[in-house]
Protein backbone atom coordinates (compact mmCIF):
# COMPACT_ATOMS: atom_id res chain seq x y z
CA MET A 1 92.09 88.31 118.19
CA GLU A 2 88.51 88.25 118.94
CA SER A 3 88.81 91.09 121.49
CA ALA A 4 90.05 93.61 118.95
CA GLU A 5 87.18 92.81 116.75
CA GLN A 6 84.88 93.42 119.41
CA LEU A 7 86.50 96.54 120.27
CA THR A 8 85.96 97.59 116.61
CA LYS A 9 82.28 96.69 116.73
CA LEU A 10 82.01 98.58 119.82
CA ALA A 11 83.64 101.62 118.69
CA THR A 12 81.39 101.69 115.42
CA GLU A 13 78.00 101.34 117.35
CA GLU A 14 79.14 103.95 119.81
CA ALA A 15 79.90 106.35 116.97
CA ASN A 16 76.27 105.30 115.56
CA MET A 17 74.60 105.89 118.93
CA SER A 18 76.41 109.08 120.49
CA TYR A 19 77.94 110.79 117.58
CA ASN A 20 75.71 110.83 114.56
CA LYS A 21 77.74 108.06 113.11
CA ASN A 22 80.85 110.02 113.30
CA ILE A 23 83.48 107.67 114.37
CA LYS A 24 85.95 110.62 114.06
CA LYS A 25 84.90 111.25 117.64
CA VAL A 26 85.59 108.01 118.84
CA PHE A 27 89.14 107.54 120.38
CA LEU A 28 90.54 103.92 121.24
CA GLY A 29 93.26 103.81 124.12
CA GLY A 30 94.90 100.99 126.25
CA ASN A 31 97.93 100.19 128.53
CA ALA A 32 99.95 97.04 128.36
CA GLU A 33 97.45 94.32 127.34
CA GLY A 34 94.98 97.02 126.49
CA CYS A 35 97.29 98.49 124.14
CA MET A 36 97.71 95.29 122.27
CA VAL A 37 93.86 94.99 121.76
CA VAL A 38 93.83 98.54 120.55
CA LEU A 39 96.73 98.41 118.29
CA ALA A 40 95.00 94.61 116.88
CA ALA A 41 91.64 96.61 116.34
CA PHE A 42 93.74 99.40 114.36
CA MET A 43 95.37 96.94 112.38
CA ARG A 44 92.08 95.29 111.58
CA TYR A 45 90.01 98.18 111.13
CA GLU A 46 88.09 98.18 107.50
CA GLY A 47 86.01 100.98 107.71
CA THR A 48 86.62 104.12 105.06
CA MET A 49 86.20 106.72 107.76
CA GLN A 50 88.84 108.01 110.36
CA ILE A 51 88.89 106.98 113.89
CA GLY A 52 89.38 110.10 115.91
CA GLY A 53 92.86 108.70 117.21
CA ILE A 54 94.69 105.74 119.18
CA LEU A 55 96.67 106.10 122.08
CA GLY A 56 99.05 103.10 123.00
CA LEU A 57 100.99 102.77 126.51
CA ASN A 58 103.52 100.22 127.17
CA GLY A 59 102.49 97.64 124.52
CA PHE A 60 103.06 96.24 121.13
CA GLN A 61 101.17 95.06 118.11
CA ALA A 62 100.69 91.25 118.64
CA LEU A 63 99.31 90.25 115.62
CA ASP A 64 101.03 87.67 113.45
CA MET A 65 101.34 89.28 109.94
CA ASN A 66 102.19 85.92 108.00
CA LYS A 67 98.63 84.79 109.19
CA GLU A 68 97.03 88.37 108.50
CA MET A 69 98.28 87.71 104.99
CA GLN A 70 96.69 84.21 104.91
CA ARG A 71 93.40 85.83 106.94
CA SER A 72 93.19 88.90 104.46
CA SER A 73 94.32 89.56 100.60
CA LEU A 74 97.29 92.07 99.98
CA GLU A 75 94.37 94.16 98.38
CA ILE A 76 92.20 94.46 101.43
CA ILE A 77 95.61 95.05 103.61
CA ALA A 78 96.69 97.82 101.40
CA ALA A 79 93.11 99.19 101.54
CA ARG A 80 93.27 99.48 105.35
CA MET A 81 96.60 101.21 105.24
CA VAL A 82 95.02 104.01 103.29
CA THR A 83 92.62 104.80 106.31
CA GLN A 84 95.28 103.93 108.98
CA ARG A 85 97.71 106.65 107.70
CA LYS A 86 95.11 109.07 108.31
CA ILE A 87 94.55 108.24 111.76
CA PRO A 88 96.42 109.92 114.29
CA MET A 89 98.61 107.64 116.71
CA MET A 90 100.25 108.35 120.01
CA LEU A 91 102.60 105.54 121.40
CA ILE A 92 104.52 105.81 124.69
CA HIS A 93 106.41 103.28 126.27
CA GLY A 94 108.45 103.60 129.69
CA GLU A 95 111.95 102.27 129.34
CA ASN A 96 111.79 101.02 132.94
CA ASN A 97 108.46 98.78 132.24
CA GLU A 98 108.90 95.42 133.73
CA LYS A 99 105.85 93.94 132.29
CA ILE A 100 106.39 94.53 128.62
CA LYS A 101 109.89 95.64 128.14
CA CYS A 102 110.71 98.95 125.65
CA GLN A 103 113.00 96.56 123.60
CA ASP A 104 110.62 93.87 123.21
CA ALA A 105 108.46 96.39 121.45
CA ALA A 106 111.10 97.86 119.46
CA GLU A 107 109.68 96.00 116.27
CA THR A 108 106.06 97.42 116.97
CA TYR A 109 107.43 101.16 116.88
CA VAL A 110 109.66 100.50 113.72
CA TYR A 111 106.51 99.29 111.93
CA PHE A 112 104.17 102.30 112.99
CA GLN A 113 107.16 104.67 112.01
CA ASN A 114 107.35 103.01 108.34
CA LEU A 115 103.55 102.83 107.99
CA TYR A 116 103.01 106.44 108.76
CA ALA A 117 106.21 107.62 106.55
CA SER A 118 103.96 109.29 104.00
CA LYS A 119 102.05 111.14 106.92
CA PRO A 120 104.66 111.75 109.66
CA ASN A 121 102.68 114.61 111.57
CA ASN A 122 99.86 111.70 112.43
CA PHE A 123 102.44 109.67 114.47
CA MET A 124 103.87 110.31 117.57
CA PHE A 125 106.45 108.11 119.73
CA PHE A 126 107.81 108.79 123.31
CA LYS A 127 110.05 106.71 125.26
CA GLU A 128 109.75 107.52 128.81
CA LYS A 129 113.16 107.52 130.32
CA GLN A 130 111.99 107.23 133.81
CA GLY A 131 108.49 105.46 133.16
CA SER A 132 106.97 102.16 134.47
CA ASP A 133 103.52 101.37 134.38
CA THR A 134 102.28 104.86 135.13
CA LEU A 135 102.88 108.08 133.14
CA SER A 136 104.76 110.98 134.54
CA ASP A 137 103.04 114.51 134.96
CA GLU A 138 105.53 115.43 131.90
CA TYR A 139 103.87 112.71 129.56
CA VAL A 140 100.43 112.85 130.94
CA ASN A 141 100.62 116.53 129.77
CA HIS A 142 101.75 115.69 126.52
CA VAL A 143 98.67 113.09 126.26
CA ARG A 144 96.36 115.81 126.80
CA LYS A 145 97.69 118.36 124.61
CA TRP A 146 97.66 115.47 121.74
CA PHE A 147 94.39 114.58 122.84
CA ILE A 148 93.00 118.29 122.73
CA LYS A 149 94.54 118.74 119.43
CA GLN A 150 92.72 115.93 117.75
CA VAL A 151 89.25 116.71 119.25
CA LYS A 152 89.79 120.36 118.10
CA LEU A 153 91.08 119.01 114.54
CA GLY A 154 87.84 116.71 114.33
CA GLN A 155 85.28 119.45 115.45
CA HIS A 156 87.10 121.68 112.86
CA ASP A 157 86.59 118.91 110.12
CA SER A 158 83.22 118.24 111.18
CA TYR A 159 82.09 122.40 110.98
CA TRP A 160 83.82 122.57 107.64
CA SER A 161 81.64 119.51 106.43
CA ARG A 162 78.34 120.75 107.81
CA ALA A 163 79.23 124.11 106.12
CA TRP A 164 79.92 122.92 102.82
CA SER A 165 76.73 120.72 103.18
CA LYS A 166 74.53 123.68 103.90
CA LYS A 167 76.63 125.71 101.31
CA PHE A 168 76.16 123.07 98.67
CA LYS A 169 72.17 123.13 99.30
CA PHE A 170 72.00 126.78 99.01
CA MET A 171 74.15 126.94 95.99
CA LEU A 172 71.75 124.38 94.48
CA PHE A 173 68.64 126.14 95.46
CA LEU A 174 69.95 129.20 93.95
CA GLY A 175 70.84 127.03 90.61
CA MET A 176 67.40 125.91 90.52
CA CYS A 177 65.78 129.37 91.10
CA PHE A 178 68.06 130.82 88.24
CA TYR A 179 67.04 128.17 86.12
CA LEU A 180 63.40 128.55 86.70
CA PHE A 181 63.83 132.25 86.10
CA ILE A 182 65.48 131.46 82.76
CA CYS A 183 62.84 129.11 81.59
CA TYR A 184 60.07 131.66 82.75
CA ILE A 185 62.13 134.50 80.65
CA ALA A 186 62.35 132.24 77.88
CA PHE A 187 58.60 131.37 77.66
CA ASN A 188 57.48 134.86 78.09
CA MET A 189 59.30 135.90 74.84
CA LYS A 190 58.33 133.01 73.04
CA GLU A 191 54.61 134.33 73.79
CA ILE A 192 55.68 137.77 73.26
CA SER A 193 57.11 137.06 69.77
CA GLY A 194 53.97 134.78 68.85
CA ALA A 195 51.61 137.54 69.40
CA GLU A 196 53.51 139.72 67.39
CA GLY A 197 53.66 137.21 64.60
CA ALA A 198 49.87 136.78 65.14
CA GLY A 199 48.99 140.43 64.89
CA GLY A 200 50.73 141.03 61.55
CA PRO A 201 51.37 144.42 59.83
């Protein structure tokens, strides 16, 4: 799916240009066919850094997994899954959606529930009982809370990454100073011992 690969490339470029290469600040989302493209991009994402999150509405995973097996080795697909499980995902499907019926997307939701079995907190799926093509106020609120939570978690991780980086540099600086201090003491002790030996009784 060419559009999925273009979306992945666009997300990476956006992270490089706007977020100092931090793709965790990039979120991908779509409705209906847009959701299908987003999920395909997620399935083919080969980066090692975690995307901020995936939001899919009224769609399904459209990639043919048999063809994906032929396109990529099992090792590559397994490596992708390690990163995929770390990416928060929220999927919502309206039970009254006529364009893409909820029962037609059932396999997709079972697949992702199994994928996230070891990271259940990273996956949320809702069936909107009265939903069609648009979200009700209740589910708009669900999406808003989820998005705010993921942004805060991303900021928290970025803060501690920066803090740890600064702390590491500071500790390295202290270590070098301590090493130079020990070398200075050792050198002076050697000089003193030499002088005392040269003076004799």
